Protein backbone atom coordinates (compact mmCIF):
# COMPACT_ATOMS: atom_id res chain seq x y z
CA MET A 1 3.01 17.19 1.01
CA THR A 2 4.56 18.63 -2.13
CA GLU A 3 1.82 18.30 -4.77
CA ALA A 4 4.23 18.06 -7.72
CA LEU A 5 5.92 15.08 -6.09
CA ALA A 6 2.82 13.43 -4.65
CA LEU A 7 1.98 10.95 -7.42
CA PRO A 8 5.61 9.90 -8.13
CA THR A 9 6.06 9.56 -4.37
CA ALA A 10 3.04 7.26 -4.16
CA PHE A 11 4.46 5.08 -6.95
CA ILE A 12 7.88 4.90 -5.29
CA LEU A 13 6.26 3.98 -1.96
CA GLY A 14 4.57 1.05 -3.64
CA LEU A 15 7.76 0.04 -5.42
CA LEU A 16 9.89 0.15 -2.27
CA GLY A 17 7.15 -1.45 -0.23
CA GLY A 18 7.40 -4.51 -2.46
CA THR A 19 9.64 -6.14 0.14
CA HIS A 20 6.62 -6.20 2.45
CA CYS A 21 4.09 -7.06 -0.27
CA LEU A 22 6.07 -10.23 -0.91
CA GLY A 23 5.16 -11.55 2.52
CA MET A 24 1.54 -10.32 2.60
CA CYS A 25 0.34 -11.00 -0.95
CA GLY A 26 3.18 -12.86 -2.65
CA GLY A 27 1.81 -16.26 -1.75
CA ILE A 28 -1.59 -15.67 -3.30
CA ALA A 29 0.01 -14.11 -6.40
CA SER A 30 2.19 -17.16 -6.84
CA SER A 31 -0.76 -19.52 -6.41
CA VAL A 32 -2.84 -17.63 -8.95
CA ALA A 33 -0.06 -18.02 -11.50
CA LEU A 34 0.81 -21.63 -10.64
CA GLN A 35 -2.78 -22.79 -10.84
CA ALA A 36 -3.01 -21.64 -14.45
CA PRO A 37 -1.45 -23.30 -17.51
CA ALA A 38 1.95 -21.91 -18.43
CA GLY A 39 2.01 -18.98 -20.80
CA LYS A 40 -0.19 -16.00 -21.40
CA ARG A 41 -3.18 -17.23 -19.43
CA GLY A 42 -1.12 -17.29 -16.23
CA LEU A 43 0.03 -13.74 -16.87
CA GLY A 44 -3.55 -12.72 -17.63
CA LEU A 45 -4.75 -14.09 -14.31
CA LEU A 46 -1.98 -12.20 -12.52
CA LEU A 47 -2.93 -8.96 -14.28
CA GLY A 48 -6.58 -9.53 -13.38
CA TYR A 49 -5.75 -10.23 -9.74
CA ASN A 50 -3.49 -7.19 -9.39
CA GLY A 51 -5.94 -4.98 -11.26
CA GLY A 52 -8.58 -5.81 -8.68
CA ARG A 53 -6.14 -5.15 -5.86
CA VAL A 54 -5.24 -1.70 -7.23
CA LEU A 55 -8.94 -0.90 -7.61
CA SER A 56 -9.51 -1.71 -3.94
CA TYR A 57 -6.70 0.63 -2.94
CA SER A 58 -8.20 3.39 -5.08
CA LEU A 59 -11.66 2.90 -3.57
CA ALA A 60 -10.19 3.03 -0.06
CA GLY A 61 -8.38 6.26 -1.00
CA ALA A 62 -11.59 7.78 -2.34
CA LEU A 63 -13.44 6.77 0.82
CA PHE A 64 -10.91 8.29 3.22
CA GLY A 65 -10.27 11.32 1.03
CA SER A 66 -14.00 12.08 0.99
CA PHE A 67 -13.70 13.16 4.62
CA GLY A 68 -11.62 16.16 3.51
CA TRP A 69 -14.40 18.51 4.56
CA LEU A 70 -13.41 17.72 8.15
CA LEU A 71 -10.08 19.47 7.56
CA SER A 72 -11.43 23.01 7.36
CA ASN A 73 -9.60 23.67 10.62
CA LEU A 74 -5.98 24.60 9.89
CA GLU A 75 -4.71 22.98 13.08
CA LEU A 76 -6.45 19.73 12.14
CA GLN A 77 -4.90 19.89 8.67
CA LEU A 78 -1.47 20.37 10.20
CA ALA A 79 -2.03 17.48 12.60
CA LEU A 80 -3.10 15.07 9.85
CA ARG A 81 -0.25 16.01 7.53
CA SER A 82 2.22 15.61 10.39
CA LEU A 83 0.76 12.25 11.31
CA ALA A 84 0.89 11.17 7.65
CA GLY A 85 4.60 12.02 7.47
CA LEU A 86 5.30 10.18 10.71
CA MET A 87 3.40 7.17 9.39
CA LEU A 88 5.75 7.06 6.42
CA VAL A 89 8.68 7.08 8.82
CA ALA A 90 7.02 4.23 10.73
CA MET A 91 6.53 2.40 7.44
CA GLY A 92 10.24 2.72 6.66
CA LEU A 93 11.15 1.39 10.10
CA TYR A 94 8.71 -1.46 9.54
CA ILE A 95 10.09 -2.44 6.14
CA GLY A 96 13.67 -2.15 7.40
CA GLN A 97 12.73 -4.46 10.31
CA TRP A 98 13.89 -1.93 12.93
CA TRP A 99 10.44 -1.39 14.51
CA LEU A 100 7.34 -3.50 13.90
CA GLY A 101 4.72 -1.31 15.55
CA LEU A 102 2.62 -1.20 12.38
CA THR A 103 1.67 -4.83 12.99
CA ARG A 104 -0.79 -3.44 15.55
CA LEU A 105 -2.65 -1.72 12.72
CA GLU A 106 -2.83 -5.01 10.88
CA SER A 107 -4.29 -6.65 13.97
CA ALA A 108 -6.92 -3.91 14.22
CA GLY A 109 -7.99 -4.58 10.64
CA GLY A 110 -8.41 -8.27 11.35
CA LEU A 111 -12.12 -7.85 12.10
CA ILE A 112 -12.76 -6.71 8.54
CA TRP A 113 -10.71 -9.55 7.09
CA GLN A 114 -12.61 -12.16 9.11
CA ARG A 115 -15.70 -11.26 7.08
CA LEU A 116 -13.90 -11.11 3.76
CA ARG A 117 -11.74 -14.25 4.07
CA PRO A 118 -14.59 -16.70 3.32
CA ILE A 119 -15.38 -14.78 0.12
CA ALA A 120 -11.73 -14.90 -0.97
CA GLY A 121 -11.60 -18.62 -0.19
CA ARG A 122 -14.55 -19.33 -2.48
CA LEU A 123 -12.78 -17.58 -5.36
CA LEU A 124 -9.78 -19.93 -5.24
CA PRO A 125 -8.53 -21.27 -7.52
CA ALA A 126 -9.13 -18.45 -10.02
CA ARG A 127 -10.26 -20.01 -13.29
CA ASN A 128 -10.50 -16.90 -15.44
CA ILE A 129 -9.46 -13.25 -15.51
CA GLY A 130 -12.79 -12.02 -14.17
CA GLN A 131 -12.58 -14.32 -11.16
CA ALA A 132 -8.97 -13.29 -10.57
CA PHE A 133 -10.04 -9.64 -10.70
CA VAL A 134 -12.72 -10.18 -8.07
CA LEU A 135 -10.25 -12.13 -5.93
CA GLY A 136 -7.78 -9.23 -6.11
CA SER A 137 -10.55 -6.78 -5.23
CA VAL A 138 -11.27 -8.73 -2.06
CA TRP A 139 -7.63 -9.40 -1.23
CA GLY A 140 -6.91 -5.67 -1.47
CA TRP A 141 -8.67 -5.23 1.88
CA LEU A 142 -6.27 -7.60 3.65
CA PRO A 143 -5.04 -5.91 6.88
CA CYS A 144 -1.66 -4.43 5.96
CA GLY A 145 0.35 -1.82 7.85
CA LEU A 146 1.98 -0.68 4.61
CA VAL A 147 -1.38 0.02 2.96
CA TYR A 148 -2.83 1.63 6.07
CA SER A 149 0.06 4.04 6.49
CA THR A 150 -0.02 4.96 2.79
CA LEU A 151 -3.78 5.41 3.00
CA LEU A 152 -3.43 7.90 5.85
CA TRP A 153 -0.79 9.75 3.86
CA ALA A 154 -3.06 9.84 0.81
CA ALA A 155 -6.04 10.98 2.89
CA ALA A 156 -4.06 14.08 3.88
CA ALA A 157 -4.72 15.32 0.33
CA ALA A 158 -8.23 16.10 1.69
CA ASP A 159 -9.89 15.41 -1.66
CA TRP A 160 -11.40 12.05 -2.65
CA ARG A 161 -10.15 12.25 -6.24
CA SER A 162 -6.60 13.10 -5.23
CA SER A 163 -6.57 10.44 -2.52
CA ALA A 164 -7.90 7.80 -4.92
CA LEU A 165 -5.26 8.76 -7.50
CA LEU A 166 -2.48 8.56 -4.93
CA MET A 167 -3.59 5.10 -3.81
CA ALA A 168 -3.81 4.00 -7.44
CA GLY A 169 -0.25 5.24 -7.92
CA PHE A 170 0.82 3.30 -4.85
CA GLY A 171 -0.89 0.17 -6.16
CA LEU A 172 0.77 0.51 -9.55
CA GLY A 173 4.11 0.84 -7.77
CA THR A 174 3.58 -2.59 -6.21
CA LEU A 175 2.88 -4.21 -9.60
CA PRO A 176 6.47 -4.97 -10.69
CA VAL A 177 7.20 -6.97 -7.55
CA MET A 178 3.81 -8.69 -7.53
CA LEU A 179 4.01 -9.70 -11.19
CA LEU A 180 7.58 -10.92 -10.89
CA THR A 181 6.72 -12.76 -7.70
CA GLY A 182 3.88 -14.53 -9.45
CA LEU A 183 6.04 -15.56 -12.40
CA PHE A 184 9.41 -16.10 -10.72
CA ALA A 185 8.45 -16.59 -7.08
CA GLN A 186 11.60 -18.14 -5.63
CA GLN A 187 14.12 -15.89 -7.38
CA VAL A 188 12.30 -12.68 -6.43
CA LYS A 189 11.76 -13.88 -2.87
CA GLN A 190 15.46 -14.47 -2.34
CA LEU A 191 16.32 -10.97 -3.60
CA LEU A 192 13.67 -8.99 -1.74
CA GLN A 193 14.10 -10.79 1.57
CA GLN A 194 17.77 -9.91 1.77
CA GLN A 195 18.37 -7.72 4.79
CA LEU A 196 20.29 -5.10 2.80
CA THR A 197 17.45 -4.76 0.27
CA ARG A 198 14.87 -4.24 3.02
CA GLN A 199 17.03 -1.76 4.90
CA LEU A 200 17.80 0.35 1.83
CA ALA A 201 14.09 0.47 1.00
CA GLY A 202 13.28 1.34 4.61
CA LEU A 203 15.82 4.17 4.77
CA THR A 204 14.49 5.65 1.53
CA ILE A 205 10.91 5.66 2.82
CA ILE A 206 12.01 7.22 6.13
CA ALA A 207 13.70 10.02 4.17
CA MET A 208 10.52 10.53 2.13
CA GLY A 209 8.46 10.69 5.31
CA LEU A 210 10.74 13.29 6.88
CA PHE A 211 10.66 15.32 3.66
CA SER A 212 6.86 15.25 3.54
CA LEU A 213 6.42 16.63 7.06
CA PRO A 214 5.02 20.20 7.09
CA TRP A 215 8.06 21.62 8.87
CA ARG A 216 7.24 25.28 8.25
CA GLY A 217 3.70 24.88 9.52
CA LEU A 218 4.91 23.03 12.61
CA ILE A 219 7.51 25.68 13.39
CA ASP A 220 4.97 28.51 12.94
CA TYR A 221 2.48 26.69 15.16
CA LEU A 222 5.04 26.07 17.91
CA GLN A 223 6.08 29.72 17.85
CA GLN A 224 2.45 30.74 18.45
CA ILE A 225 2.07 28.55 21.52
C-alpha cells in the first residue's frame, strides 16, 4: 500500500462504501434520529451513535494491527498485502452488486453478533448522547463484509497505531452518508440505491484495490520460483 495515500484511501473507501452502509446501519441511524425530538438533540444523538461506531472500527483496527509482529517473514507480508488488495476488489464487486461473496464473511461473524444483539436491543431507544454512543460502539461490531475487507486491508499496515488510524479514517468516511441517512432517510436512500450510483462506487473501489496490490513484489517473487 502506498503510505502517502493510505489515510485518504481509507476515507474514500468509507465514503464510497456508504451505498452498503445504508442497508446495514441506515435503519438504526434513522431510528435513532426519529426517536428524538426534532432539532439539535436528534443530530446530537446521531453524532453520538456514529462516534461510537467509529471508535469500534478503530479498536478493531488496533486489535488486528497488533499482530504485525507475525509479518516478519517477507513472503507472509507479500501474501497479506496481496490478499488485502484482492479484498478491496471483492468489496467493489460486492458494492456494485456483481458478486456477493462477501456475504459469507458476514455470516461467519454472526456468532459474535448473536452475543452482542441483546445488548444493543437494551440500548434502544437511545435517550441521550451517552446511550447513543454506547449503542454505536456495540453496533460497530455488526457482521459486515465491507468492514471486514477494510479491516484486513488496514491490518496489512502491520502496526496497531497505523491500522487503528486507517479504520478511523474509514469510519469518518462513512459519516456523511450515515448522518444524511439519519436526517433525510428517504431522499438519501433513493439516491444511494440507484444502480448507477452503486456501480460507479464499486468500479472506483475495484480500481483502488488493483492499485494497492504489491505488483513489483509479486513479479519479483514469481521470477524467483
